[in-house]
Structures are given as C-alpha cells and as structure tokens.
C-alpha cells in the first residue's frame, strides 16, 4: 500500500466516507444525537 502518486511525492489524498445525521424535521434531536455519539464511539 502506498500513496496515490503526486507531483512532489508528498502524501495527499481524496477521502471518501459516510456518517450519521439527523433529519431536519426530527422532533427528538437530543435522543438522536446521543445515538450518533454511541454509533461513532471509539
């Protein structure tokens, strides 16, 4: 495994990834965010 080659040779990357959000019309935001905290814990 190595870096995608760059002109200078230094490491820089495009990152891809996903995450958990809360629907804008959620009426339980505190509960929902507590769930996100647990779901993304170390």
ModelCIF file with pLDDT and N, C-alpha, C, O atoms, coordinates in Angstrom:
data_MODEL
#
_entry.id   MODEL 
#
_entity.id                         1 
_entity.type                       polymer 
_entity.pdbx_number_of_molecules   1 
#
_entity_poly.entity_id                      1 
_entity_poly.type                           'polypeptide(L)' 
_entity_poly.nstd_linkage                   no 
_entity_poly.nstd_monomer                   no 
_entity_poly.pdbx_seq_one_letter_code       
;(UNK)(UNK)(UNK)(UNK)(UNK)(UNK)(UNK)(UNK)(UNK)(UNK)(UNK)(UNK)(UNK)(UNK)(UNK)(UNK)
(UNK)(UNK)(UNK)(UNK)(UNK)(UNK)(UNK)(UNK)(UNK)(UNK)(UNK)(UNK)(UNK)(UNK)(UNK)(UNK)
(UNK)(UNK)(UNK)(UNK)(UNK)(UNK)(UNK)(UNK)(UNK)(UNK)
;
_entity_poly.pdbx_seq_one_letter_code_can   XXXXXXXXXXXXXXXXXXXXXXXXXXXXXXXXXXXXXXXXXX 
_entity_poly.pdbx_strand_id                 A 
#
loop_
_entity_poly_seq.entity_id 
_entity_poly_seq.num 
_entity_poly_seq.mon_id 
_entity_poly_seq.hetero 
1 1  UNK n 
1 2  UNK n 
1 3  UNK n 
1 4  UNK n 
1 5  UNK n 
1 6  UNK n 
1 7  UNK n 
1 8  UNK n 
1 9  UNK n 
1 10 UNK n 
1 11 UNK n 
1 12 UNK n 
1 13 UNK n 
1 14 UNK n 
1 15 UNK n 
1 16 UNK n 
1 17 UNK n 
1 18 UNK n 
1 19 UNK n 
1 20 UNK n 
1 21 UNK n 
1 22 UNK n 
1 23 UNK n 
1 24 UNK n 
1 25 UNK n 
1 26 UNK n 
1 27 UNK n 
1 28 UNK n 
1 29 UNK n 
1 30 UNK n 
1 31 UNK n 
1 32 UNK n 
1 33 UNK n 
1 34 UNK n 
1 35 UNK n 
1 36 UNK n 
1 37 UNK n 
1 38 UNK n 
1 39 UNK n 
1 40 UNK n 
1 41 UNK n 
1 42 UNK n 
#
_struct_asym.id          A 
_struct_asym.entity_id   1 
#
loop_
_ma_qa_metric.id 
_ma_qa_metric.mode 
_ma_qa_metric.name 
_ma_qa_metric.software_group_id 
_ma_qa_metric.type 
1 global pLDDT . pLDDT 
2 local  pLDDT . pLDDT 
#
_ma_qa_metric_global.metric_id      1 
_ma_qa_metric_global.metric_value   96.64 
_ma_qa_metric_global.model_id       1 
_ma_qa_metric_global.ordinal_id     1 
#
loop_
_ma_qa_metric_local.label_asym_id 
_ma_qa_metric_local.label_comp_id 
_ma_qa_metric_local.label_seq_id 
_ma_qa_metric_local.metric_id 
_ma_qa_metric_local.metric_value 
_ma_qa_metric_local.model_id 
_ma_qa_metric_local.ordinal_id 
A UNK 1  2 97.00 1 1  
A UNK 2  2 98.00 1 2  
A UNK 3  2 98.00 1 3  
A UNK 4  2 98.00 1 4  
A UNK 5  2 98.00 1 5  
A UNK 6  2 98.00 1 6  
A UNK 7  2 98.00 1 7  
A UNK 8  2 97.00 1 8  
A UNK 9  2 97.00 1 9  
A UNK 10 2 97.00 1 10 
A UNK 11 2 97.00 1 11 
A UNK 12 2 96.00 1 12 
A UNK 13 2 96.00 1 13 
A UNK 14 2 96.00 1 14 
A UNK 15 2 96.00 1 15 
A UNK 16 2 95.00 1 16 
A UNK 17 2 95.00 1 17 
A UNK 18 2 96.00 1 18 
A UNK 19 2 97.00 1 19 
A UNK 20 2 98.00 1 20 
A UNK 21 2 97.00 1 21 
A UNK 22 2 97.00 1 22 
A UNK 23 2 96.00 1 23 
A UNK 24 2 95.00 1 24 
A UNK 25 2 92.00 1 25 
A UNK 26 2 94.00 1 26 
A UNK 27 2 92.00 1 27 
A UNK 28 2 96.00 1 28 
A UNK 29 2 97.00 1 29 
A UNK 30 2 97.00 1 30 
A UNK 31 2 97.00 1 31 
A UNK 32 2 97.00 1 32 
A UNK 33 2 98.00 1 33 
A UNK 34 2 97.00 1 34 
A UNK 35 2 98.00 1 35 
A UNK 36 2 98.00 1 36 
A UNK 37 2 97.00 1 37 
A UNK 38 2 97.00 1 38 
A UNK 39 2 98.00 1 39 
A UNK 40 2 97.00 1 40 
A UNK 41 2 97.00 1 41 
A UNK 42 2 97.00 1 42 
#
loop_
_atom_site.group_PDB 
_atom_site.id 
_atom_site.type_symbol 
_atom_site.label_atom_id 
_atom_site.label_alt_id 
_atom_site.label_comp_id 
_atom_site.label_asym_id 
_atom_site.label_entity_id 
_atom_site.label_seq_id 
_atom_site.pdbx_PDB_ins_code 
_atom_site.Cartn_x 
_atom_site.Cartn_y 
_atom_site.Cartn_z 
_atom_site.occupancy 
_atom_site.B_iso_or_equiv 
_atom_site.pdbx_formal_charge 
_atom_site.auth_seq_id 
_atom_site.auth_comp_id 
_atom_site.auth_asym_id 
_atom_site.auth_atom_id 
_atom_site.pdbx_PDB_model_num 
ATOM 1   N N  . UNK A 1 1  ? 0.854   -1.187 0.000  1.00 97.00 ? 1  UNK A N  1 
ATOM 2   C CA . UNK A 1 1  ? 0.000   0.000  0.000  1.00 97.00 ? 1  UNK A CA 1 
ATOM 3   C C  . UNK A 1 1  ? 0.885   1.231  0.000  1.00 97.00 ? 1  UNK A C  1 
ATOM 4   O O  . UNK A 1 1  ? 1.793   1.354  0.823  1.00 97.00 ? 1  UNK A O  1 
ATOM 5   N N  . UNK A 1 2  ? 0.618   2.143  -0.927 1.00 98.00 ? 2  UNK A N  1 
ATOM 6   C CA . UNK A 1 2  ? 1.332   3.411  -0.966 1.00 98.00 ? 2  UNK A CA 1 
ATOM 7   C C  . UNK A 1 2  ? 0.348   4.520  -1.323 1.00 98.00 ? 2  UNK A C  1 
ATOM 8   O O  . UNK A 1 2  ? -0.838  4.272  -1.538 1.00 98.00 ? 2  UNK A O  1 
ATOM 9   N N  . UNK A 1 3  ? 0.857   5.734  -1.381 1.00 98.00 ? 3  UNK A N  1 
ATOM 10  C CA . UNK A 1 3  ? 0.007   6.876  -1.706 1.00 98.00 ? 3  UNK A CA 1 
ATOM 11  C C  . UNK A 1 3  ? -0.306  6.897  -3.206 1.00 98.00 ? 3  UNK A C  1 
ATOM 12  O O  . UNK A 1 3  ? 0.444   6.342  -4.009 1.00 98.00 ? 3  UNK A O  1 
ATOM 13  N N  . UNK A 1 4  ? -1.398  7.528  -3.569 1.00 98.00 ? 4  UNK A N  1 
ATOM 14  C CA . UNK A 1 4  ? -1.605  7.855  -4.980 1.00 98.00 ? 4  UNK A CA 1 
ATOM 15  C C  . UNK A 1 4  ? -0.506  8.848  -5.350 1.00 98.00 ? 4  UNK A C  1 
ATOM 16  O O  . UNK A 1 4  ? -0.385  9.887  -4.701 1.00 98.00 ? 4  UNK A O  1 
ATOM 17  N N  . UNK A 1 5  ? 0.292   8.560  -6.364 1.00 98.00 ? 5  UNK A N  1 
ATOM 18  C CA . UNK A 1 5  ? 1.457   9.405  -6.649 1.00 98.00 ? 5  UNK A CA 1 
ATOM 19  C C  . UNK A 1 5  ? 1.083   10.875 -6.855 1.00 98.00 ? 5  UNK A C  1 
ATOM 20  O O  . UNK A 1 5  ? 0.067   11.194 -7.473 1.00 98.00 ? 5  UNK A O  1 
ATOM 21  N N  . UNK A 1 6  ? 1.914   11.743 -6.332 1.00 98.00 ? 6  UNK A N  1 
ATOM 22  C CA . UNK A 1 6  ? 1.744   13.182 -6.519 1.00 98.00 ? 6  UNK A CA 1 
ATOM 23  C C  . UNK A 1 6  ? 2.983   13.739 -7.205 1.00 98.00 ? 6  UNK A C  1 
ATOM 24  O O  . UNK A 1 6  ? 4.032   13.096 -7.230 1.00 98.00 ? 6  UNK A O  1 
ATOM 25  N N  . UNK A 1 7  ? 2.856   14.926 -7.755 1.00 98.00 ? 7  UNK A N  1 
ATOM 26  C CA . UNK A 1 7  ? 3.995   15.528 -8.454 1.00 98.00 ? 7  UNK A CA 1 
ATOM 27  C C  . UNK A 1 7  ? 5.181   15.692 -7.521 1.00 98.00 ? 7  UNK A C  1 
ATOM 28  O O  . UNK A 1 7  ? 6.315   15.398 -7.898 1.00 98.00 ? 7  UNK A O  1 
ATOM 29  N N  . UNK A 1 8  ? 4.927   16.160 -6.304 1.00 97.00 ? 8  UNK A N  1 
ATOM 30  C CA . UNK A 1 8  ? 6.003   16.384 -5.340 1.00 97.00 ? 8  UNK A CA 1 
ATOM 31  C C  . UNK A 1 8  ? 6.423   15.113 -4.631 1.00 97.00 ? 8  UNK A C  1 
ATOM 32  O O  . UNK A 1 8  ? 7.523   15.039 -4.083 1.00 97.00 ? 8  UNK A O  1 
ATOM 33  N N  . UNK A 1 9  ? 5.551   14.105 -4.639 1.00 97.00 ? 9  UNK A N  1 
ATOM 34  C CA . UNK A 1 9  ? 5.835   12.869 -3.924 1.00 97.00 ? 9  UNK A CA 1 
ATOM 35  C C  . UNK A 1 9  ? 5.300   12.845 -2.514 1.00 97.00 ? 9  UNK A C  1 
ATOM 36  O O  . UNK A 1 9  ? 5.355   11.807 -1.853 1.00 97.00 ? 9  UNK A O  1 
ATOM 37  N N  . UNK A 1 10 ? 4.784   13.961 -2.034 1.00 97.00 ? 10 UNK A N  1 
ATOM 38  C CA . UNK A 1 10 ? 4.256   14.007 -0.675 1.00 97.00 ? 10 UNK A CA 1 
ATOM 39  C C  . UNK A 1 10 ? 2.837   13.441 -0.636 1.00 97.00 ? 10 UNK A C  1 
ATOM 40  O O  . UNK A 1 10 ? 2.126   13.427 -1.641 1.00 97.00 ? 10 UNK A O  1 
ATOM 41  N N  . UNK A 1 11 ? 2.448   12.977 0.545  1.00 97.00 ? 11 UNK A N  1 
ATOM 42  C CA . UNK A 1 11 ? 1.158   12.321 0.718  1.00 97.00 ? 11 UNK A CA 1 
ATOM 43  C C  . UNK A 1 11 ? 0.028   13.340 0.811  1.00 97.00 ? 11 UNK A C  1 
ATOM 44  O O  . UNK A 1 11 ? 0.047   14.232 1.659  1.00 97.00 ? 11 UNK A O  1 
ATOM 45  N N  . UNK A 1 12 ? -0.941  13.195 -0.060 1.00 96.00 ? 12 UNK A N  1 
ATOM 46  C CA . UNK A 1 12 ? -2.181  13.970 -0.019 1.00 96.00 ? 12 UNK A CA 1 
ATOM 47  C C  . UNK A 1 12 ? -3.237  13.087 -0.664 1.00 96.00 ? 12 UNK A C  1 
ATOM 48  O O  . UNK A 1 12 ? -2.932  12.323 -1.580 1.00 96.00 ? 12 UNK A O  1 
ATOM 49  N N  . UNK A 1 13 ? -4.468  13.184 -0.196 1.00 96.00 ? 13 UNK A N  1 
ATOM 50  C CA . UNK A 1 13 ? -5.442  12.197 -0.654 1.00 96.00 ? 13 UNK A CA 1 
ATOM 51  C C  . UNK A 1 13 ? -6.829  12.773 -0.823 1.00 96.00 ? 13 UNK A C  1 
ATOM 52  O O  . UNK A 1 13 ? -7.203  13.768 -0.202 1.00 96.00 ? 13 UNK A O  1 
ATOM 53  N N  . UNK A 1 14 ? -7.580  12.107 -1.692 1.00 96.00 ? 14 UNK A N  1 
ATOM 54  C CA . UNK A 1 14 ? -9.027  12.258 -1.710 1.00 96.00 ? 14 UNK A CA 1 
ATOM 55  C C  . UNK A 1 14 ? -9.594  11.245 -0.730 1.00 96.00 ? 14 UNK A C  1 
ATOM 56  O O  . UNK A 1 14 ? -9.274  10.058 -0.799 1.00 96.00 ? 14 UNK A O  1 
ATOM 57  N N  . UNK A 1 15 ? -10.425 11.708 0.171  1.00 96.00 ? 15 UNK A N  1 
ATOM 58  C CA . UNK A 1 15 ? -11.056 10.797 1.111  1.00 96.00 ? 15 UNK A CA 1 
ATOM 59  C C  . UNK A 1 15 ? -12.526 10.601 0.758  1.00 96.00 ? 15 UNK A C  1 
ATOM 60  O O  . UNK A 1 15 ? -13.211 11.518 0.303  1.00 96.00 ? 15 UNK A O  1 
ATOM 61  N N  . UNK A 1 16 ? -12.979 9.389  0.980  1.00 95.00 ? 16 UNK A N  1 
ATOM 62  C CA . UNK A 1 16 ? -14.389 9.050  0.848  1.00 95.00 ? 16 UNK A CA 1 
ATOM 63  C C  . UNK A 1 16 ? -14.844 8.505  2.195  1.00 95.00 ? 16 UNK A C  1 
ATOM 64  O O  . UNK A 1 16 ? -14.050 7.917  2.929  1.00 95.00 ? 16 UNK A O  1 
ATOM 65  N N  . UNK A 1 17 ? -16.095 8.695  2.516  1.00 95.00 ? 17 UNK A N  1 
ATOM 66  C CA . UNK A 1 17 ? -16.590 8.191  3.792  1.00 95.00 ? 17 UNK A CA 1 
ATOM 67  C C  . UNK A 1 17 ? -18.048 8.516  3.990  1.00 95.00 ? 17 UNK A C  1 
ATOM 68  O O  . UNK A 1 17 ? -18.642 9.281  3.230  1.00 95.00 ? 17 UNK A O  1 
ATOM 69  N N  . UNK A 1 18 ? -18.618 7.923  5.024  1.00 96.00 ? 18 UNK A N  1 
ATOM 70  C CA . UNK A 1 18 ? -20.032 8.091  5.324  1.00 96.00 ? 18 UNK A CA 1 
ATOM 71  C C  . UNK A 1 18 ? -20.217 8.451  6.787  1.00 96.00 ? 18 UNK A C  1 
ATOM 72  O O  . UNK A 1 18 ? -19.284 8.349  7.583  1.00 96.00 ? 18 UNK A O  1 
ATOM 73  N N  . UNK A 1 19 ? -21.428 8.874  7.139  1.00 97.00 ? 19 UNK A N  1 
ATOM 74  C CA . UNK A 1 19 ? -21.681 9.250  8.519  1.00 97.00 ? 19 UNK A CA 1 
ATOM 75  C C  . UNK A 1 19 ? -23.163 9.271  8.842  1.00 97.00 ? 19 UNK A C  1 
ATOM 76  O O  . UNK A 1 19 ? -24.013 9.043  7.981  1.00 97.00 ? 19 UNK A O  1 
ATOM 77  N N  . UNK A 1 20 ? -23.450 9.549  10.100 1.00 98.00 ? 20 UNK A N  1 
ATOM 78  C CA . UNK A 1 20 ? -24.815 9.595  10.604 1.00 98.00 ? 20 UNK A CA 1 
ATOM 79  C C  . UNK A 1 20 ? -25.252 11.042 10.803 1.00 98.00 ? 20 UNK A C  1 
ATOM 80  O O  . UNK A 1 20 ? -24.530 11.843 11.397 1.00 98.00 ? 20 UNK A O  1 
ATOM 81  N N  . UNK A 1 21 ? -26.435 11.365 10.303 1.00 97.00 ? 21 UNK A N  1 
ATOM 82  C CA . UNK A 1 21 ? -27.013 12.687 10.501 1.00 97.00 ? 21 UNK A CA 1 
ATOM 83  C C  . UNK A 1 21 ? -28.401 12.588 11.101 1.00 97.00 ? 21 UNK A C  1 
ATOM 84  O O  . UNK A 1 21 ? -28.926 11.494 11.313 1.00 97.00 ? 21 UNK A O  1 
ATOM 85  N N  . UNK A 1 22 ? -28.993 13.750 11.375 1.00 97.00 ? 22 UNK A N  1 
ATOM 86  C CA . UNK A 1 22 ? -30.339 13.844 11.947 1.00 97.00 ? 22 UNK A CA 1 
ATOM 87  C C  . UNK A 1 22 ? -31.226 14.567 10.956 1.00 97.00 ? 22 UNK A C  1 
ATOM 88  O O  . UNK A 1 22 ? -30.852 15.615 10.430 1.00 97.00 ? 22 UNK A O  1 
ATOM 89  N N  . UNK A 1 23 ? -32.389 14.016 10.700 1.00 96.00 ? 23 UNK A N  1 
ATOM 90  C CA . UNK A 1 23 ? -33.335 14.647 9.786  1.00 96.00 ? 23 UNK A CA 1 
ATOM 91  C C  . UNK A 1 23 ? -33.716 16.029 10.299 1.00 96.00 ? 23 UNK A C  1 
ATOM 92  O O  . UNK A 1 23 ? -33.913 16.224 11.498 1.00 96.00 ? 23 UNK A O  1 
ATOM 93  N N  . UNK A 1 24 ? -33.816 16.977 9.387  1.00 95.00 ? 24 UNK A N  1 
ATOM 94  C CA . UNK A 1 24 ? -34.104 18.359 9.770  1.00 95.00 ? 24 UNK A CA 1 
ATOM 95  C C  . UNK A 1 24 ? -35.428 18.482 10.529 1.00 95.00 ? 24 UNK A C  1 
ATOM 96  O O  . UNK A 1 24 ? -35.584 19.382 11.354 1.00 95.00 ? 24 UNK A O  1 
ATOM 97  N N  . UNK A 1 25 ? -36.385 17.585 10.258 1.00 92.00 ? 25 UNK A N  1 
ATOM 98  C CA . UNK A 1 25 ? -37.681 17.659 10.917 1.00 92.00 ? 25 UNK A CA 1 
ATOM 99  C C  . UNK A 1 25 ? -37.825 16.679 12.082 1.00 92.00 ? 25 UNK A C  1 
ATOM 100 O O  . UNK A 1 25 ? -38.941 16.403 12.522 1.00 92.00 ? 25 UNK A O  1 
ATOM 101 N N  . UNK A 1 26 ? -36.711 16.157 12.581 1.00 94.00 ? 26 UNK A N  1 
ATOM 102 C CA . UNK A 1 26 ? -36.742 15.262 13.743 1.00 94.00 ? 26 UNK A CA 1 
ATOM 103 C C  . UNK A 1 26 ? -37.146 16.047 14.989 1.00 94.00 ? 26 UNK A C  1 
ATOM 104 O O  . UNK A 1 26 ? -36.609 17.124 15.250 1.00 94.00 ? 26 UNK A O  1 
ATOM 105 N N  . UNK A 1 27 ? -38.100 15.501 15.763 1.00 92.00 ? 27 UNK A N  1 
ATOM 106 C CA . UNK A 1 27 ? -38.512 16.199 16.982 1.00 92.00 ? 27 UNK A CA 1 
ATOM 107 C C  . UNK A 1 27 ? -37.895 15.571 18.241 1.00 92.00 ? 27 UNK A C  1 
ATOM 108 O O  . UNK A 1 27 ? -38.327 15.853 19.359 1.00 92.00 ? 27 UNK A O  1 
ATOM 109 N N  . UNK A 1 28 ? -36.899 14.732 18.048 1.00 96.00 ? 28 UNK A N  1 
ATOM 110 C CA . UNK A 1 28 ? -36.167 14.128 19.176 1.00 96.00 ? 28 UNK A CA 1 
ATOM 111 C C  . UNK A 1 28 ? -34.657 14.295 18.948 1.00 96.00 ? 28 UNK A C  1 
ATOM 112 O O  . UNK A 1 28 ? -33.917 13.313 18.991 1.00 96.00 ? 28 UNK A O  1 
ATOM 113 N N  . UNK A 1 29 ? -34.202 15.511 18.710 1.00 97.00 ? 29 UNK A N  1 
ATOM 114 C CA . UNK A 1 29 ? -32.794 15.696 18.320 1.00 97.00 ? 29 UNK A CA 1 
ATOM 115 C C  . UNK A 1 29 ? -31.795 15.294 19.394 1.00 97.00 ? 29 UNK A C  1 
ATOM 116 O O  . UNK A 1 29 ? -30.728 14.772 19.071 1.00 97.00 ? 29 UNK A O  1 
ATOM 117 N N  . UNK A 1 30 ? -32.115 15.526 20.665 1.00 97.00 ? 30 UNK A N  1 
ATOM 118 C CA . UNK A 1 30 ? -31.173 15.163 21.725 1.00 97.00 ? 30 UNK A CA 1 
ATOM 119 C C  . UNK A 1 30 ? -30.988 13.651 21.789 1.00 97.00 ? 30 UNK A C  1 
ATOM 120 O O  . UNK A 1 30 ? -29.865 13.164 21.920 1.00 97.00 ? 30 UNK A O  1 
ATOM 121 N N  . UNK A 1 31 ? -32.092 12.908 21.697 1.00 97.00 ? 31 UNK A N  1 
ATOM 122 C CA . UNK A 1 31 ? -32.004 11.450 21.673 1.00 97.00 ? 31 UNK A CA 1 
ATOM 123 C C  . UNK A 1 31 ? -31.242 10.976 20.443 1.00 97.00 ? 31 UNK A C  1 
ATOM 124 O O  . UNK A 1 31 ? -30.408 10.074 20.520 1.00 97.00 ? 31 UNK A O  1 
ATOM 125 N N  . UNK A 1 32 ? -31.540 11.596 19.319 1.00 97.00 ? 32 UNK A N  1 
ATOM 126 C CA . UNK A 1 32 ? -30.893 11.194 18.068 1.00 97.00 ? 32 UNK A CA 1 
ATOM 127 C C  . UNK A 1 32 ? -29.394 11.441 18.135 1.00 97.00 ? 32 UNK A C  1 
ATOM 128 O O  . UNK A 1 32 ? -28.612 10.608 17.676 1.00 97.00 ? 32 UNK A O  1 
ATOM 129 N N  . UNK A 1 33 ? -28.978 12.580 18.702 1.00 98.00 ? 33 UNK A N  1 
ATOM 130 C CA . UNK A 1 33 ? -27.538 12.855 18.757 1.00 98.00 ? 33 UNK A CA 1 
ATOM 131 C C  . UNK A 1 33 ? -26.855 11.932 19.756 1.00 98.00 ? 33 UNK A C  1 
ATOM 132 O O  . UNK A 1 33 ? -25.716 11.522 19.532 1.00 98.00 ? 33 UNK A O  1 
ATOM 133 N N  . UNK A 1 34 ? -27.526 11.599 20.852 1.00 97.00 ? 34 UNK A N  1 
ATOM 134 C CA . UNK A 1 34 ? -26.949 10.632 21.787 1.00 97.00 ? 34 UNK A CA 1 
ATOM 135 C C  . UNK A 1 34 ? -26.716 9.288  21.088 1.00 97.00 ? 34 UNK A C  1 
ATOM 136 O O  . UNK A 1 34 ? -25.723 8.607  21.346 1.00 97.00 ? 34 UNK A O  1 
ATOM 137 N N  . UNK A 1 35 ? -27.641 8.919  20.206 1.00 98.00 ? 35 UNK A N  1 
ATOM 138 C CA . UNK A 1 35 ? -27.467 7.689  19.442 1.00 98.00 ? 35 UNK A CA 1 
ATOM 139 C C  . UNK A 1 35 ? -26.248 7.794  18.523 1.00 98.00 ? 35 UNK A C  1 
ATOM 140 O O  . UNK A 1 35 ? -25.475 6.844  18.401 1.00 98.00 ? 35 UNK A O  1 
ATOM 141 N N  . UNK A 1 36 ? -26.078 8.957  17.875 1.00 98.00 ? 36 UNK A N  1 
ATOM 142 C CA . UNK A 1 36 ? -24.922 9.149  16.988 1.00 98.00 ? 36 UNK A CA 1 
ATOM 143 C C  . UNK A 1 36 ? -23.621 9.071  17.786 1.00 98.00 ? 36 UNK A C  1 
ATOM 144 O O  . UNK A 1 36 ? -22.640 8.494  17.317 1.00 98.00 ? 36 UNK A O  1 
ATOM 145 N N  . UNK A 1 37 ? -23.607 9.649  18.990 1.00 97.00 ? 37 UNK A N  1 
ATOM 146 C CA . UNK A 1 37 ? -22.412 9.559  19.823 1.00 97.00 ? 37 UNK A CA 1 
ATOM 147 C C  . UNK A 1 37 ? -22.028 8.103  20.068 1.00 97.00 ? 37 UNK A C  1 
ATOM 148 O O  . UNK A 1 37 ? -20.855 7.740  19.984 1.00 97.00 ? 37 UNK A O  1 
ATOM 149 N N  . UNK A 1 38 ? -23.019 7.280  20.368 1.00 97.00 ? 38 UNK A N  1 
ATOM 150 C CA . UNK A 1 38 ? -22.737 5.861  20.630 1.00 97.00 ? 38 UNK A CA 1 
ATOM 151 C C  . UNK A 1 38 ? -22.320 5.135  19.361 1.00 97.00 ? 38 UNK A C  1 
ATOM 152 O O  . UNK A 1 38 ? -21.408 4.308  19.385 1.00 97.00 ? 38 UNK A O  1 
ATOM 153 N N  . UNK A 1 39 ? -22.988 5.442  18.251 1.00 98.00 ? 39 UNK A N  1 
ATOM 154 C CA . UNK A 1 39 ? -22.709 4.758  16.988 1.00 98.00 ? 39 UNK A CA 1 
ATOM 155 C C  . UNK A 1 39 ? -21.325 5.081  16.430 1.00 98.00 ? 39 UNK A C  1 
ATOM 156 O O  . UNK A 1 39 ? -20.761 4.295  15.669 1.00 98.00 ? 39 UNK A O  1 
ATOM 157 N N  . UNK A 1 40 ? -20.778 6.237  16.807 1.00 97.00 ? 40 UNK A N  1 
ATOM 158 C CA . UNK A 1 40 ? -19.460 6.652  16.299 1.00 97.00 ? 40 UNK A CA 1 
ATOM 159 C C  . UNK A 1 40 ? -18.383 6.616  17.381 1.00 97.00 ? 40 UNK A C  1 
ATOM 160 O O  . UNK A 1 40 ? -17.328 7.232  17.227 1.00 97.00 ? 40 UNK A O  1 
ATOM 161 N N  . UNK A 1 41 ? -18.641 5.906  18.461 1.00 97.00 ? 41 UNK A N  1 
ATOM 162 C CA . UNK A 1 41 ? -17.668 5.822  19.546 1.00 97.00 ? 41 UNK A CA 1 
ATOM 163 C C  . UNK A 1 41 ? -16.406 5.088  19.100 1.00 97.00 ? 41 UNK A C  1 
ATOM 164 O O  . UNK A 1 41 ? -16.413 4.381  18.092 1.00 97.00 ? 41 UNK A O  1 
ATOM 165 N N  . UNK A 1 42 ? -15.334 5.260  19.851 1.00 97.00 ? 42 UNK A N  1 
ATOM 166 C CA . UNK A 1 42 ? -14.068 4.607  19.527 1.00 97.00 ? 42 UNK A CA 1 
ATOM 167 C C  . UNK A 1 42 ? -14.239 3.092  19.479 1.00 97.00 ? 42 UNK A C  1 
ATOM 168 O O  . UNK A 1 42 ? -13.276 2.370  19.220 1.00 97.00 ? 42 UNK A O  1 
#
